Amino acid sequence: MFFHVVLRHDGPEWDLALPMDEQAKWPEHVAFANGLEASGFVVLGGPLDYLRVVLAVEAESEEVVRRTLAEDPWARTHLRVDAIEAWDVLLDSRPGRAGAVVSSRA
């Protein structure tokens, strides 16, 4: 598995007058995001500010990342992908990996 950093920004249906949890399809998006976290696909994720989101994901390829995120109820309406970058993780403090220097490219 490889790590990727995903940058997303607001889409055409993002309503600037509403807080995040009042946007259309919020419950569906939360269920989807929680599922990605529970499966281990999303390692870290959250908003950078009101209009941008960053995700650290563990996936085989950029294509898998794009295909998976395309299933989000907010895909193309509330969140669009700006960039997906491969990330060579050298430090990982998650349980079972503590103290180890790891490389996703090894």
Protein backbone atom coordinates (compact mmCIF):
# COMPACT_ATOMS: atom_id res chain seq x y z
CA MET A 1 0.00 0.00 0.00
CA PHE A 2 1.08 3.57 -0.63
CA PHE A 3 0.21 6.84 1.02
CA HIS A 4 -1.29 9.78 -0.83
CA VAL A 5 -2.15 13.32 0.21
CA VAL A 6 -5.39 14.58 -1.30
CA LEU A 7 -6.32 18.25 -1.49
CA ARG A 8 -9.97 19.03 -2.16
CA HIS A 9 -11.86 22.31 -2.45
CA ASP A 10 -15.45 23.48 -2.47
CA GLY A 11 -17.62 22.53 -5.40
CA PRO A 12 -20.35 24.40 -7.28
CA GLU A 13 -23.13 23.47 -4.84
CA TRP A 14 -21.25 24.51 -1.68
CA ASP A 15 -23.41 27.18 -0.04
CA LEU A 16 -21.16 29.82 1.53
CA ALA A 17 -24.09 30.99 3.69
CA LEU A 18 -24.35 27.64 5.49
CA PRO A 19 -22.04 25.92 7.96
CA MET A 20 -20.55 22.60 6.88
CA ASP A 21 -23.01 20.48 8.84
CA GLU A 22 -25.98 22.22 7.19
CA GLN A 23 -24.85 21.62 3.60
CA ALA A 24 -27.04 19.41 1.41
CA LYS A 25 -26.31 15.67 1.70
CA TRP A 26 -24.31 16.19 4.93
CA PRO A 27 -25.50 12.95 6.61
CA GLU A 28 -24.69 10.94 3.49
CA HIS A 29 -21.23 12.53 3.21
CA VAL A 30 -20.50 11.86 6.90
CA ALA A 31 -21.52 8.21 6.56
CA PHE A 32 -19.26 7.85 3.52
CA ALA A 33 -16.30 9.58 5.22
CA ASN A 34 -16.74 7.54 8.40
CA GLY A 35 -16.69 4.38 6.30
CA LEU A 36 -13.41 5.42 4.66
CA GLU A 37 -11.90 6.03 8.09
CA ALA A 38 -13.20 2.76 9.52
CA SER A 39 -11.75 0.80 6.59
CA GLY A 40 -8.33 2.41 7.03
CA PHE A 41 -8.44 4.11 3.62
CA VAL A 42 -8.41 7.56 5.23
CA VAL A 43 -5.69 7.77 7.87
CA LEU A 44 -6.20 11.48 8.62
CA GLY A 45 -8.65 13.98 7.21
CA GLY A 46 -10.39 17.26 7.79
CA PRO A 47 -10.83 20.84 6.67
CA LEU A 48 -7.89 23.20 6.34
CA ASP A 49 -10.34 26.07 6.31
CA TYR A 50 -13.96 26.64 5.26
CA LEU A 51 -13.33 25.79 1.59
CA ARG A 52 -10.45 23.29 1.54
CA VAL A 53 -9.98 19.74 2.85
CA VAL A 54 -6.88 17.58 3.17
CA LEU A 55 -6.84 13.78 3.40
CA ALA A 56 -4.01 11.37 4.05
CA VAL A 57 -5.02 8.07 2.48
CA GLU A 58 -3.51 4.63 2.12
CA ALA A 59 -4.22 3.11 -1.30
CA GLU A 60 -2.54 1.19 -4.10
CA SER A 61 -2.61 4.05 -6.60
CA GLU A 62 -3.88 7.49 -7.47
CA GLU A 63 -6.53 5.83 -9.64
CA VAL A 64 -7.85 3.91 -6.63
CA VAL A 65 -7.98 7.17 -4.67
CA ARG A 66 -9.89 8.94 -7.46
CA ARG A 67 -12.28 6.04 -7.96
CA THR A 68 -12.99 5.76 -4.23
CA LEU A 69 -13.54 9.48 -3.70
CA ALA A 70 -15.85 9.60 -6.74
CA GLU A 71 -18.33 7.57 -4.67
CA ASP A 72 -18.65 10.39 -2.10
CA PRO A 73 -22.15 11.93 -2.19
CA TRP A 74 -20.35 15.31 -2.23
CA ALA A 75 -18.12 14.41 -5.20
CA ARG A 76 -18.40 17.02 -7.96
CA THR A 77 -21.11 18.94 -6.05
CA HIS A 78 -19.59 20.03 -2.73
CA LEU A 79 -15.98 18.81 -2.96
CA ARG A 80 -13.68 18.54 -5.94
CA VAL A 81 -10.16 17.13 -6.05
CA ASP A 82 -7.39 19.72 -6.51
CA ALA A 83 -4.46 17.34 -6.28
CA ILE A 84 -3.40 13.85 -5.31
CA GLU A 85 0.26 13.49 -4.43
CA ALA A 86 2.17 10.31 -3.57
CA TRP A 87 3.64 10.57 -0.07
CA ASP A 88 6.70 8.62 1.02
CA VAL A 89 6.02 8.18 4.74
CA LEU A 90 9.17 7.69 6.80
CA LEU A 91 7.73 8.14 10.30
CA ASP A 92 4.59 6.43 11.53
CA SER A 93 3.46 6.40 15.18
CA ARG A 94 0.29 4.36 14.68
CA PRO A 95 -0.06 1.26 16.88
CA GLY A 96 2.04 -1.59 15.60
CA ARG A 97 4.33 0.77 13.72
CA ALA A 98 5.62 2.91 16.58
CA GLY A 99 9.31 3.65 16.52
CA ALA A 100 9.76 2.23 13.06
CA VAL A 101 11.01 4.17 10.09
CA VAL A 102 8.88 2.95 7.21
CA SER A 103 8.79 3.74 3.55
CA SER A 104 5.72 3.19 1.44
CA ARG A 105 7.96 2.86 -1.64
CA ALA A 106 10.21 0.10 -0.30
